[in-house]
C-alpha atoms as a PDB file:
ATOM      1  CA  UNK A   1     -17.253 -70.271  28.470  1.00  0.00           C
ATOM      2  CA  UNK A   2     -17.091 -71.479  24.768  1.00  0.00           C
ATOM      3  CA  UNK A   3     -15.388 -69.019  21.980  1.00  0.00           C
ATOM      4  CA  UNK A   4     -17.156 -68.401  18.478  1.00  0.00           C
ATOM      5  CA  UNK A   5     -14.322 -68.977  15.998  1.00  0.00           C
ATOM      6  CA  UNK A   6     -15.109 -67.434  12.235  1.00  0.00           C
ATOM      7  CA  UNK A   7     -14.492 -70.178  10.187  1.00  0.00           C
ATOM      8  CA  UNK A   8     -13.705 -67.790   7.176  1.00  0.00           C
ATOM      9  CA  UNK A   9     -11.040 -66.366   8.709  1.00  0.00           C
ATOM     10  CA  UNK A  10      -9.917 -68.076  12.040  1.00  0.00           C
ATOM     11  CA  UNK A  11     -10.410 -65.315  14.222  1.00  0.00           C
ATOM     12  CA  UNK A  12     -12.430 -65.299  17.409  1.00  0.00           C
ATOM     13  CA  UNK A  13     -15.752 -63.150  16.643  1.00  0.00           C
ATOM     14  CA  UNK A  14     -15.672 -59.024  17.642  1.00  0.00           C
ATOM     15  CA  UNK A  15     -11.662 -59.614  17.994  1.00  0.00           C
ATOM     16  CA  UNK A  16     -10.202 -56.709  15.935  1.00  0.00           C
ATOM     17  CA  UNK A  17      -7.671 -57.036  13.232  1.00  0.00           C
ATOM     18  CA  UNK A  18      -3.888 -56.654  14.446  1.00  0.00           C
ATOM     19  CA  UNK A  19      -3.372 -52.539  13.532  1.00  0.00           C
ATOM     20  CA  UNK A  20      -0.517 -52.406  10.458  1.00  0.00           C
ATOM     21  CA  UNK A  21       2.644 -50.975  11.030  1.00  0.00           C
ATOM     22  CA  UNK A  22       3.621 -47.563  10.369  1.00  0.00           C
ATOM     23  CA  UNK A  23       5.485 -48.490   7.511  1.00  0.00           C
ATOM     24  CA  UNK A  24       2.817 -50.330   5.826  1.00  0.00           C
ATOM     25  CA  UNK A  25       0.491 -47.316   6.894  1.00  0.00           C
ATOM     26  CA  UNK A  26       2.357 -44.580   4.888  1.00  0.00           C
ATOM     27  CA  UNK A  27       2.698 -47.196   1.766  1.00  0.00           C
ATOM     28  CA  UNK A  28      -0.909 -47.250   1.539  1.00  0.00           C
ATOM     29  CA  UNK A  29      -1.466 -43.602   2.054  1.00  0.00           C
ATOM     30  CA  UNK A  30       1.190 -42.820  -0.473  1.00  0.00           C
ATOM     31  CA  UNK A  31      -0.828 -45.091  -3.171  1.00  0.00           C
ATOM     32  CA  UNK A  32      -3.963 -43.757  -2.122  1.00  0.00           C
ATOM     33  CA  UNK A  33      -3.079 -40.263  -2.249  1.00  0.00           C
ATOM     34  CA  UNK A  34       0.245 -39.702  -4.487  1.00  0.00           C
ATOM     35  CA  UNK A  35      -1.462 -36.970  -6.466  1.00  0.00           C
ATOM     36  CA  UNK A  36      -1.974 -34.794  -3.461  1.00  0.00           C
ATOM     37  CA  UNK A  37       1.973 -35.263  -1.978  1.00  0.00           C
ATOM     38  CA  UNK A  38       2.943 -34.431  -6.020  1.00  0.00           C
ATOM     39  CA  UNK A  39       1.094 -31.427  -5.599  1.00  0.00           C
ATOM     40  CA  UNK A  40       2.485 -30.391  -2.448  1.00  0.00           C
ATOM     41  CA  UNK A  41       5.840 -31.233  -3.184  1.00  0.00           C
ATOM     42  CA  UNK A  42       7.251 -28.422  -5.121  1.00  0.00           C
ATOM     43  CA  UNK A  43       5.855 -26.090  -2.692  1.00  0.00           C
ATOM     44  CA  UNK A  44       7.491 -28.334   0.618  1.00  0.00           C
ATOM     45  CA  UNK A  45      11.016 -27.752  -1.674  1.00  0.00           C
ATOM     46  CA  UNK A  46      10.108 -23.941  -1.678  1.00  0.00           C
ATOM     47  CA  UNK A  47       9.889 -23.845   1.603  1.00  0.00           C
ATOM     48  CA  UNK A  48      12.892 -25.844   2.719  1.00  0.00           C
ATOM     49  CA  UNK A  49      15.116 -24.031   0.649  1.00  0.00           C
ATOM     50  CA  UNK A  50      13.572 -20.529   1.840  1.00  0.00           C
ATOM     51  CA  UNK A  51      12.370 -20.831   5.451  1.00  0.00           C
ATOM     52  CA  UNK A  52      13.811 -24.435   6.648  1.00  0.00           C
ATOM     53  CA  UNK A  53      17.473 -24.149   5.608  1.00  0.00           C
ATOM     54  CA  UNK A  54      17.839 -20.332   6.522  1.00  0.00           C
ATOM     55  CA  UNK A  55      16.178 -21.086  10.068  1.00  0.00           C
ATOM     56  CA  UNK A  56      18.204 -24.312  10.752  1.00  0.00           C
ATOM     57  CA  UNK A  57      21.828 -22.418   9.116  1.00  0.00           C
ATOM     58  CA  UNK A  58      21.034 -19.310  11.433  1.00  0.00           C
ATOM     59  CA  UNK A  59      20.166 -21.271  14.640  1.00  0.00           C
ATOM     60  CA  UNK A  60      24.036 -23.273  13.779  1.00  0.00           C
ATOM     61  CA  UNK A  61      25.477 -19.630  13.590  1.00  0.00           C
ATOM     62  CA  UNK A  62      24.137 -19.113  16.918  1.00  0.00           C
ATOM     63  CA  UNK A  63      26.147 -21.222  18.433  1.00  0.00           C
ATOM     64  CA  UNK A  64      29.207 -19.988  17.406  1.00  0.00           C
ATOM     65  CA  UNK A  65      31.347 -16.405  17.477  1.00  0.00           C
ATOM     66  CA  UNK A  66      31.033 -16.041  13.866  1.00  0.00           C
ATOM     67  CA  UNK A  67      31.423 -12.347  12.968  1.00  0.00           C
ATOM     68  CA  UNK A  68      32.847 -10.343   9.619  1.00  0.00           C
ATOM     69  CA  UNK A  69      36.361 -10.699  10.821  1.00  0.00           C
ATOM     70  CA  UNK A  70      36.408 -14.452  11.299  1.00  0.00           C
ATOM     71  CA  UNK A  71      34.049 -15.753   8.393  1.00  0.00           C
ATOM     72  CA  UNK A  72      34.722 -16.903   4.764  1.00  0.00           C
ATOM     73  CA  UNK A  73      35.813 -14.616   2.693  1.00  0.00           C
ATOM     74  CA  UNK A  74      36.972 -13.760  -0.523  1.00  0.00           C
ATOM     75  CA  UNK A  75      39.281 -10.415  -0.719  1.00  0.00           C
ATOM     76  CA  UNK A  76      40.615 -10.224  -4.869  1.00  0.00           C
ATOM     77  CA  UNK A  77      41.860 -13.459  -5.593  1.00  0.00           C
ATOM     78  CA  UNK A  78      42.364 -14.727  -2.040  1.00  0.00           C
ATOM     79  CA  UNK A  79      39.715 -16.691  -0.635  1.00  0.00           C
ATOM     80  CA  UNK A  80      40.421 -16.688   3.259  1.00  0.00           C
ATOM     81  CA  UNK A  81      38.582 -20.215   5.195  1.00  0.00           C
ATOM     82  CA  UNK A  82      36.287 -19.377   8.176  1.00  0.00           C
ATOM     83  CA  UNK A  83      38.132 -19.313  11.671  1.00  0.00           C
ATOM     84  CA  UNK A  84      34.985 -19.012  14.094  1.00  0.00           C
ATOM     85  CA  UNK A  85      34.629 -21.659  16.514  1.00  0.00           C
ATOM     86  CA  UNK A  86      31.811 -23.130  18.314  1.00  0.00           C
ATOM     87  CA  UNK A  87      30.743 -21.780  21.546  1.00  0.00           C
ATOM     88  CA  UNK A  88      27.359 -23.519  22.960  1.00  0.00           C
ATOM     89  CA  UNK A  89      24.494 -21.271  24.167  1.00  0.00           C
ATOM     90  CA  UNK A  90      26.849 -18.586  25.240  1.00  0.00           C
ATOM     91  CA  UNK A  91      25.168 -15.854  23.147  1.00  0.00           C
ATOM     92  CA  UNK A  92      22.390 -16.543  24.542  1.00  0.00           C
ATOM     93  CA  UNK A  93      23.342 -16.238  28.353  1.00  0.00           C
ATOM     94  CA  UNK A  94      25.501 -12.821  27.049  1.00  0.00           C
ATOM     95  CA  UNK A  95      22.270 -11.443  25.562  1.00  0.00           C
ATOM     96  CA  UNK A  96      20.078 -12.270  28.348  1.00  0.00           C
ATOM     97  CA  UNK A  97      22.961 -12.175  31.519  1.00  0.00           C
ATOM     98  CA  UNK A  98      25.321 -10.759  30.414  1.00  0.00           C
ATOM     99  CA  UNK A  99      27.230  -7.199  32.014  1.00  0.00           C
ATOM    100  CA  UNK A 100      25.391  -5.150  28.518  1.00  0.00           C
ATOM    101  CA  UNK A 101      22.415  -7.159  29.073  1.00  0.00           C
ATOM    102  CA  UNK A 102      20.068  -4.329  29.733  1.00  0.00           C
ATOM    103  CA  UNK A 103      21.652  -1.937  27.344  1.00  0.00           C
ATOM    104  CA  UNK A 104      21.685  -4.479  24.348  1.00  0.00           C
ATOM    105  CA  UNK A 105      18.544  -6.628  24.786  1.00  0.00           C
ATOM    106  CA  UNK A 106      16.064  -5.657  27.718  1.00  0.00           C
ATOM    107  CA  UNK A 107      15.725  -2.024  26.851  1.00  0.00           C
ATOM    108  CA  UNK A 108      15.231  -2.726  23.661  1.00  0.00           C
ATOM    109  CA  UNK A 109      12.822  -5.505  24.557  1.00  0.00           C
ATOM    110  CA  UNK A 110      11.093  -3.406  26.837  1.00  0.00           C
ATOM    111  CA  UNK A 111      10.346  -0.529  23.965  1.00  0.00           C
ATOM    112  CA  UNK A 112       9.268  -3.321  21.401  1.00  0.00           C
ATOM    113  CA  UNK A 113       6.603  -4.819  23.947  1.00  0.00           C
ATOM    114  CA  UNK A 114       5.558  -1.268  24.493  1.00  0.00           C
ATOM    115  CA  UNK A 115       5.366  -0.581  20.634  1.00  0.00           C
ATOM    116  CA  UNK A 116       3.343  -3.369  20.061  1.00  0.00           C
ATOM    117  CA  UNK A 117       0.886  -2.631  22.462  1.00  0.00           C
ATOM    118  CA  UNK A 118       0.493   0.785  21.732  1.00  0.00           C
ATOM    119  CA  UNK A 119       0.567   0.217  17.797  1.00  0.00           C
ATOM    120  CA  UNK A 120      -2.028  -2.724  17.842  1.00  0.00           C
ATOM    121  CA  UNK A 121      -4.346  -1.303  20.403  1.00  0.00           C
ATOM    122  CA  UNK A 122      -4.453   2.538  18.166  1.00  0.00           C
ATOM    123  CA  UNK A 123      -5.030   0.009  15.063  1.00  0.00           C
ATOM    124  CA  UNK A 124      -7.736  -1.613  16.561  1.00  0.00           C
ATOM    125  CA  UNK A 125      -9.230   1.032  18.120  1.00  0.00           C
ATOM    126  CA  UNK A 126      -9.031   3.376  15.295  1.00  0.00           C
ATOM    127  CA  UNK A 127     -10.144   0.954  12.707  1.00  0.00           C
ATOM    128  CA  UNK A 128     -13.493  -0.152  14.220  1.00  0.00           C
ATOM    129  CA  UNK A 129     -13.999   3.331  14.798  1.00  0.00           C
ATOM    130  CA  UNK A 130     -14.224   3.717  11.364  1.00  0.00           C
ATOM    131  CA  UNK A 131     -15.547   0.678  10.106  1.00  0.00           C
ATOM    132  CA  UNK A 132     -18.254   1.754  12.336  1.00  0.00           C
ATOM    133  CA  UNK A 133     -18.600   4.673  10.237  1.00  0.00           C
ATOM    134  CA  UNK A 134     -18.467   3.196   7.140  1.00  0.00           C
ATOM    135  CA  UNK A 135     -20.842   0.914   7.848  1.00  0.00           C
ATOM    136  CA  UNK A 136     -23.434   3.298   8.282  1.00  0.00           C
ATOM    137  CA  UNK A 137     -25.302   4.311   5.192  1.00  0.00           C
ATOM    138  CA  UNK A 138     -23.673   7.415   4.294  1.00  0.00           C
ATOM    139  CA  UNK A 139     -23.550   9.351   0.670  1.00  0.00           C
ATOM    140  CA  UNK A 140     -20.297   8.786  -0.705  1.00  0.00           C
ATOM    141  CA  UNK A 141     -19.364   6.001   1.147  1.00  0.00           C
ATOM    142  CA  UNK A 142     -17.420   3.921  -1.458  1.00  0.00           C
ATOM    143  CA  UNK A 143     -15.314   7.066  -1.803  1.00  0.00           C
ATOM    144  CA  UNK A 144     -14.720   7.469   1.980  1.00  0.00           C
ATOM    145  CA  UNK A 145     -13.290   4.026   1.498  1.00  0.00           C
ATOM    146  CA  UNK A 146     -11.085   4.372  -1.233  1.00  0.00           C
ATOM    147  CA  UNK A 147      -9.474   7.421   0.382  1.00  0.00           C
ATOM    148  CA  UNK A 148      -9.515   5.598   4.041  1.00  0.00           C
ATOM    149  CA  UNK A 149      -7.419   2.583   2.256  1.00  0.00           C
ATOM    150  CA  UNK A 150      -5.146   4.522   0.178  1.00  0.00           C
ATOM    151  CA  UNK A 151      -2.165   4.557   3.054  1.00  0.00           C
ATOM    152  CA  UNK A 152      -2.399   1.056   3.057  1.00  0.00           C
ATOM    153  CA  UNK A 153      -2.213   0.598  -0.730  1.00  0.00           C
ATOM    154  CA  UNK A 154       0.517   3.240  -1.182  1.00  0.00           C
ATOM    155  CA  UNK A 155       3.885   1.078  -1.132  1.00  0.00           C
ATOM    156  CA  UNK A 156       5.439   1.182   2.976  1.00  0.00           C
ATOM    157  CA  UNK A 157       8.602   2.700   1.924  1.00  0.00           C
ATOM    158  CA  UNK A 158       6.948   5.710   0.281  1.00  0.00           C
ATOM    159  CA  UNK A 159       4.786   6.407   2.970  1.00  0.00           C
ATOM    160  CA  UNK A 160       7.421   6.650   5.425  1.00  0.00           C
ATOM    161  CA  UNK A 161       9.504   8.807   3.398  1.00  0.00           C
ATOM    162  CA  UNK A 162       7.140  11.177   3.057  1.00  0.00           C
ATOM    163  CA  UNK A 163       6.280  11.342   6.801  1.00  0.00           C
ATOM    164  CA  UNK A 164      10.227  11.559   7.040  1.00  0.00           C
ATOM    165  CA  UNK A 165       9.962  14.377   4.769  1.00  0.00           C
ATOM    166  CA  UNK A 166       7.386  16.135   6.577  1.00  0.00           C
ATOM    167  CA  UNK A 167       8.453  15.444  10.018  1.00  0.00           C
ATOM    168  CA  UNK A 168      12.011  17.457   9.279  1.00  0.00           C
ATOM    169  CA  UNK A 169      12.993  20.527  11.099  1.00  0.00           C
ATOM    170  CA  UNK A 170      12.292  22.310   7.959  1.00  0.00           C
ATOM    171  CA  UNK A 171       8.749  19.989   7.465  1.00  0.00           C
ATOM    172  CA  UNK A 172       5.104  20.779   6.772  1.00  0.00           C
ATOM    173  CA  UNK A 173       4.456  19.624  10.459  1.00  0.00           C
ATOM    174  CA  UNK A 174       6.887  22.051  12.092  1.00  0.00           C
ATOM    175  CA  UNK A 175       6.283  24.911   9.811  1.00  0.00           C
ATOM    176  CA  UNK A 176       2.434  24.575  10.183  1.00  0.00           C
ATOM    177  CA  UNK A 177       3.399  24.610  14.172  1.00  0.00           C
ATOM    178  CA  UNK A 178       5.636  27.442  14.214  1.00  0.00           C
ATOM    179  CA  UNK A 179       3.074  29.520  12.399  1.00  0.00           C
ATOM    180  CA  UNK A 180       0.402  28.856  15.232  1.00  0.00           C
ATOM    181  CA  UNK A 181       3.443  29.984  17.723  1.00  0.00           C
ATOM    182  CA  UNK A 182       3.626  26.350  19.124  1.00  0.00           C
ATOM    183  CA  UNK A 183       6.627  24.483  20.179  1.00  0.00           C
ATOM    184  CA  UNK A 184       8.091  22.409  17.230  1.00  0.00           C
ATOM    185  CA  UNK A 185       9.435  18.969  18.667  1.00  0.00           C
ATOM    186  CA  UNK A 186      12.877  17.327  17.435  1.00  0.00           C
ATOM    187  CA  UNK A 187      10.879  14.590  15.823  1.00  0.00           C
ATOM    188  CA  UNK A 188      13.844  12.880  14.318  1.00  0.00           C
ATOM    189  CA  UNK A 189      16.642  13.478  16.632  1.00  0.00           C
ATOM    190  CA  UNK A 190      14.962  13.330  20.260  1.00  0.00           C
ATOM    191  CA  UNK A 191      14.566   9.981  21.977  1.00  0.00           C
ATOM    192  CA  UNK A 192      11.067  10.399  22.921  1.00  0.00           C
ATOM    193  CA  UNK A 193       9.664  12.512  19.471  1.00  0.00           C
ATOM    194  CA  UNK A 194      11.481   9.859  17.422  1.00  0.00           C
ATOM    195  CA  UNK A 195       9.387   6.916  19.333  1.00  0.00           C
ATOM    196  CA  UNK A 196       6.195   9.064  19.085  1.00  0.00           C
ATOM    197  CA  UNK A 197       6.822   9.623  15.324  1.00  0.00           C
ATOM    198  CA  UNK A 198       7.383   5.928  14.680  1.00  0.00           C
ATOM    199  CA  UNK A 199       4.259   4.991  16.336  1.00  0.00           C
ATOM    200  CA  UNK A 200       2.072   8.036  14.801  1.00  0.00           C
ATOM    201  CA  UNK A 201       3.977   6.561  10.909  1.00  0.00           C
ATOM    202  CA  UNK A 202       2.725   2.861  12.028  1.00  0.00           C
ATOM    203  CA  UNK A 203      -0.669   4.020  13.258  1.00  0.00           C
ATOM    204  CA  UNK A 204      -0.877   5.849   9.657  1.00  0.00           C
ATOM    205  CA  UNK A 205      -0.378   2.638   7.750  1.00  0.00           C
ATOM    206  CA  UNK A 206      -1.717   0.056   9.956  1.00  0.00           C
ATOM    207  CA  UNK A 207      -5.108   1.002  10.513  1.00  0.00           C
ATOM    208  CA  UNK A 208      -6.776   0.700   7.173  1.00  0.00           C
ATOM    209  CA  UNK A 209      -6.169  -3.350   7.335  1.00  0.00           C
ATOM    210  CA  UNK A 210      -7.743  -2.801  10.462  1.00  0.00           C
ATOM    211  CA  UNK A 211     -10.723  -1.202   9.130  1.00  0.00           C
ATOM    212  CA  UNK A 212     -10.869  -3.277   5.762  1.00  0.00           C
ATOM    213  CA  UNK A 213     -10.810  -6.432   8.184  1.00  0.00           C
ATOM    214  CA  UNK A 214     -13.648  -5.127  10.836  1.00  0.00           C
ATOM    215  CA  UNK A 215     -15.732  -3.947   8.204  1.00  0.00           C
ATOM    216  CA  UNK A 216     -16.363  -7.107   6.776  1.00  0.00           C
ATOM    217  CA  UNK A 217     -17.058  -8.488  10.523  1.00  0.00           C
ATOM    218  CA  UNK A 218     -19.577  -5.988  10.622  1.00  0.00           C
ATOM    219  CA  UNK A 219     -21.562  -6.612   7.787  1.00  0.00           C
ATOM    220  CA  UNK A 220     -21.612 -10.587   8.415  1.00  0.00           C
ATOM    221  CA  UNK A 221     -23.557 -10.024  11.955  1.00  0.00           C
ATOM    222  CA  UNK A 222     -27.304 -10.738  10.956  1.00  0.00           C
ATOM    223  CA  UNK A 223     -29.327  -7.701  11.487  1.00  0.00           C
ATOM    224  CA  UNK A 224     -31.680  -9.082  13.373  1.00  0.00           C
ATOM    225  CA  UNK A 225     -30.148  -8.997  16.219  1.00  0.00           C
ATOM    226  CA  UNK A 226     -29.741  -5.418  16.304  1.00  0.00           C
ATOM    227  CA  UNK A 227     -33.380  -5.146  15.661  1.00  0.00           C
ATOM    228  CA  UNK A 228     -34.416  -7.677  18.431  1.00  0.00           C
ATOM    229  CA  UNK A 229     -31.864  -5.638  20.861  1.00  0.00           C
ATOM    230  CA  UNK A 230     -33.742  -2.699  20.118  1.00  0.00           C
ATOM    231  CA  UNK A 231     -37.221  -3.767  20.013  1.00  0.00           C
ATOM    232  CA  UNK A 232     -35.758  -5.025  23.745  1.00  0.00           C
ATOM    233  CA  UNK A 233     -34.731  -1.342  24.548  1.00  0.00           C
ATOM    234  CA  UNK A 234     -31.189  -1.686  24.203  1.00  0.00           C
ATOM    235  CA  UNK A 235     -29.387   1.799  24.445  1.00  0.00           C
ATOM    236  CA  UNK A 236     -26.724   2.029  21.584  1.00  0.00           C
ATOM    237  CA  UNK A 237     -23.832   1.298  23.865  1.00  0.00           C
ATOM    238  CA  UNK A 238     -25.716  -1.894  25.043  1.00  0.00           C
ATOM    239  CA  UNK A 239     -25.785  -2.521  21.153  1.00  0.00           C
ATOM    240  CA  UNK A 240     -22.462  -2.097  20.882  1.00  0.00           C
ATOM    241  CA  UNK A 241     -21.304  -4.885  23.742  1.00  0.00           C
ATOM    242  CA  UNK A 242     -23.941  -6.985  23.692  1.00  0.00           C
ATOM    243  CA  UNK A 243     -23.889  -7.537  20.073  1.00  0.00           C
ATOM    244  CA  UNK A 244     -21.033  -6.026  17.986  1.00  0.00           C
ATOM    245  CA  UNK A 245     -18.418  -7.104  20.076  1.00  0.00           C
ATOM    246  CA  UNK A 246     -19.364 -10.811  20.332  1.00  0.00           C
ATOM    247  CA  UNK A 247     -19.988 -10.914  16.109  1.00  0.00           C
ATOM    248  CA  UNK A 248     -16.744  -9.698  16.042  1.00  0.00           C
ATOM    249  CA  UNK A 249     -14.786 -12.202  18.524  1.00  0.00           C
ATOM    250  CA  UNK A 250     -13.620 -14.222  15.915  1.00  0.00           C
ATOM    251  CA  UNK A 251     -12.348 -11.417  13.133  1.00  0.00           C
ATOM    252  CA  UNK A 252     -10.458  -9.404  16.188  1.00  0.00           C
ATOM    253  CA  UNK A 253      -9.120 -12.398  17.365  1.00  0.00           C
ATOM    254  CA  UNK A 254      -7.538 -13.097  14.117  1.00  0.00           C
ATOM    255  CA  UNK A 255      -6.249  -9.046  13.382  1.00  0.00           C
ATOM    256  CA  UNK A 256      -5.096  -8.717  16.535  1.00  0.00           C
ATOM    257  CA  UNK A 257      -2.922 -11.989  16.356  1.00  0.00           C
ATOM    258  CA  UNK A 258      -1.485 -10.734  13.098  1.00  0.00           C
ATOM    259  CA  UNK A 259      -1.147  -7.369  14.263  1.00  0.00           C
ATOM    260  CA  UNK A 260       0.857  -8.267  16.926  1.00  0.00           C
ATOM    261  CA  UNK A 261       2.992 -10.400  14.854  1.00  0.00           C
ATOM    262  CA  UNK A 262       3.132  -7.816  12.180  1.00  0.00           C
ATOM    263  CA  UNK A 263       4.073  -4.703  14.558  1.00  0.00           C
ATOM    264  CA  UNK A 264       6.713  -7.012  16.367  1.00  0.00           C
ATOM    265  CA  UNK A 265       8.559  -7.605  13.054  1.00  0.00           C
ATOM    266  CA  UNK A 266       7.774  -4.076  11.702  1.00  0.00           C
ATOM    267  CA  UNK A 267      11.348  -3.360  10.319  1.00  0.00           C
ATOM    268  CA  UNK A 268      10.515  -1.122   7.521  1.00  0.00           C
ATOM    269  CA  UNK A 269       8.966   1.961   9.487  1.00  0.00           C
ATOM    270  CA  UNK A 270      11.538   2.209  12.135  1.00  0.00           C
ATOM    271  CA  UNK A 271      14.708   1.690   9.583  1.00  0.00           C
ATOM    272  CA  UNK A 272      13.382   3.802   7.105  1.00  0.00           C
ATOM    273  CA  UNK A 273      11.903   6.353   9.175  1.00  0.00           C
ATOM    274  CA  UNK A 274      15.729   6.292  11.266  1.00  0.00           C
ATOM    275  CA  UNK A 275      18.132   4.710   9.539  1.00  0.00           C
ATOM    276  CA  UNK A 276      21.052   3.897  11.900  1.00  0.00           C
ATOM    277  CA  UNK A 277      21.109   7.026  13.825  1.00  0.00           C
ATOM    278  CA  UNK A 278      18.257   6.379  16.820  1.00  0.00           C
ATOM    279  CA  UNK A 279      19.587   3.311  18.302  1.00  0.00           C
ATOM    280  CA  UNK A 280      17.094   4.273  21.522  1.00  0.00           C
ATOM    281  CA  UNK A 281      14.211   4.306  18.839  1.00  0.00           C
ATOM    282  CA  UNK A 282      14.956   0.545  18.050  1.00  0.00           C
ATOM    283  CA  UNK A 283      13.351  -2.198  18.288  1.00  0.00           C
ATOM    284  CA  UNK A 284      14.548  -6.041  18.338  1.00  0.00           C
ATOM    285  CA  UNK A 285      14.534  -6.622  14.744  1.00  0.00           C
ATOM    286  CA  UNK A 286      15.951  -3.161  13.819  1.00  0.00           C
ATOM    287  CA  UNK A 287      18.511  -3.448  16.582  1.00  0.00           C
ATOM    288  CA  UNK A 288      19.343  -7.204  15.482  1.00  0.00           C
ATOM    289  CA  UNK A 289      19.664  -5.910  11.564  1.00  0.00           C
ATOM    290  CA  UNK A 290      22.129  -2.967  12.940  1.00  0.00           C
ATOM    291  CA  UNK A 291      24.381  -6.007  15.056  1.00  0.00           C
ATOM    292  CA  UNK A 292      24.557  -8.101  11.827  1.00  0.00           C
ATOM    293  CA  UNK A 293      24.750  -5.406   9.284  1.00  0.00           C
ATOM    294  CA  UNK A 294      25.324  -1.979  10.273  1.00  0.00           C
ATOM    295  CA  UNK A 295      28.126  -1.718  12.196  1.00  0.00           C
ATOM    296  CA  UNK A 296      31.762  -3.092  12.020  1.00  0.00           C
ATOM    297  CA  UNK A 297      32.441  -5.648  12.978  1.00  0.00           C
ATOM    298  CA  UNK A 298      29.531  -7.369  11.925  1.00  0.00           C
ATOM    299  CA  UNK A 299      28.248  -9.497  14.764  1.00  0.00           C
ATOM    300  CA  UNK A 300      26.703 -12.293  13.035  1.00  0.00           C
ATOM    301  CA  UNK A 301      26.046 -15.146  15.436  1.00  0.00           C
ATOM    302  CA  UNK A 302      24.994 -12.298  18.028  1.00  0.00           C
ATOM    303  CA  UNK A 303      22.151 -10.931  15.319  1.00  0.00           C
ATOM    304  CA  UNK A 304      21.422 -14.726  14.524  1.00  0.00           C
ATOM    305  CA  UNK A 305      20.682 -15.362  17.898  1.00  0.00           C
ATOM    306  CA  UNK A 306      18.033 -12.314  18.324  1.00  0.00           C
ATOM    307  CA  UNK A 307      16.840 -13.345  15.824  1.00  0.00           C
ATOM    308  CA  UNK A 308      16.030 -16.889  17.207  1.00  0.00           C
ATOM    309  CA  UNK A 309      14.829 -15.159  20.659  1.00  0.00           C
ATOM    310  CA  UNK A 310      12.370 -13.405  18.396  1.00  0.00           C
ATOM    311  CA  UNK A 311      11.048 -16.378  16.720  1.00  0.00           C
ATOM    312  CA  UNK A 312      10.598 -18.011  20.686  1.00  0.00           C
ATOM    313  CA  UNK A 313       9.148 -14.754  22.003  1.00  0.00           C
ATOM    314  CA  UNK A 314       6.332 -14.429  19.128  1.00  0.00           C
ATOM    315  CA  UNK A 315       5.874 -18.605  19.150  1.00  0.00           C
ATOM    316  CA  UNK A 316       5.190 -18.644  22.947  1.00  0.00           C
ATOM    317  CA  UNK A 317       2.996 -15.437  22.712  1.00  0.00           C
ATOM    318  CA  UNK A 318       0.920 -17.293  19.646  1.00  0.00           C
ATOM    319  CA  UNK A 319       0.291 -20.327  22.070  1.00  0.00           C
ATOM    320  CA  UNK A 320      -0.652 -18.594  24.932  1.00  0.00           C
ATOM    321  CA  UNK A 321      -3.011 -16.032  22.601  1.00  0.00           C
ATOM    322  CA  UNK A 322      -4.693 -19.462  21.004  1.00  0.00           C
ATOM    323  CA  UNK A 323      -5.321 -21.278  24.542  1.00  0.00           C
ATOM    324  CA  UNK A 324      -6.706 -17.829  26.063  1.00  0.00           C
ATOM    325  CA  UNK A 325      -8.909 -17.711  23.333  1.00  0.00           C
ATOM    326  CA  UNK A 326     -10.113 -21.270  23.279  1.00  0.00           C
ATOM    327  CA  UNK A 327     -10.492 -21.081  27.103  1.00  0.00           C
ATOM    328  CA  UNK A 328     -12.869 -17.831  26.808  1.00  0.00           C
ATOM    329  CA  UNK A 329     -15.072 -19.516  23.558  1.00  0.00           C
ATOM    330  CA  UNK A 330     -15.499 -22.752  25.676  1.00  0.00           C
ATOM    331  CA  UNK A 331     -16.855 -20.569  28.584  1.00  0.00           C
ATOM    332  CA  UNK A 332     -18.694 -18.607  26.572  1.00  0.00           C
ATOM    333  CA  UNK A 333     -20.613 -22.019  25.008  1.00  0.00           C
ATOM    334  CA  UNK A 334     -20.930 -23.334  28.916  1.00  0.00           C
END
């Protein structure tokens, strides 16, 4: 069998050239796209300083027994060196399987899951209902949109403080219930009512975002699909189920994912509503803050370990959620 040789290159015809090494490819890419690297360099530096360094240092703290008593500190003119030591993964083991694991982690974890599921369900359900109403041809629709988006436009701390005054013993809510001869719950004292009031306030703050996002999704659905379904005799429920919901699938998947992440880490509502006076109503993020900054001694290492566990939980949830969405999309495509 004869093999044709290219006289110009000295290589066999049809033979691929050897792939250049990694360093050579990177050098070629830099020469070709140097301006892109120059543009993203400041962002990379800021992210490294603001995100990556605190994350790495926080993970390092989780491997120590650091607290406010053995950390480096300055008292007057005296500088006290750090005396904490490396203990490996003992903090994680103590949090997850220690003798007080249920009271300090699992009870707050269960409440955080319930809190997130209920709030996101209410956000989506109420937001979708309001979006469907505002998608209709109503007189004064612009005014209604403005009013309904106000809870999201007002700063969260203002909204939470307003609710705190209304939910107090002498607030407008209990005063109205008392005028109607109805029971007046201890919204800010009893554990059950604390949790219920936290869900109410967070729902009030989160519904406008869902409403606006889903309203944009509704307006992007082709009107001819509704006309075709109506001509085929589809009822209002059938049009909603087979046209509206599939048309909102991409928007819904995104806003639900964002809603879960934001609600799971919703520090502002619970902290401003109760402060450090309601440990039973604390979700994981506020409980981690309480351990690190709201008690003495301040448990820096344990608080950082809670932060790492929160990050791990959200990463795992996001990966499974995206895989589930991709699998459903592939099944629908088939």
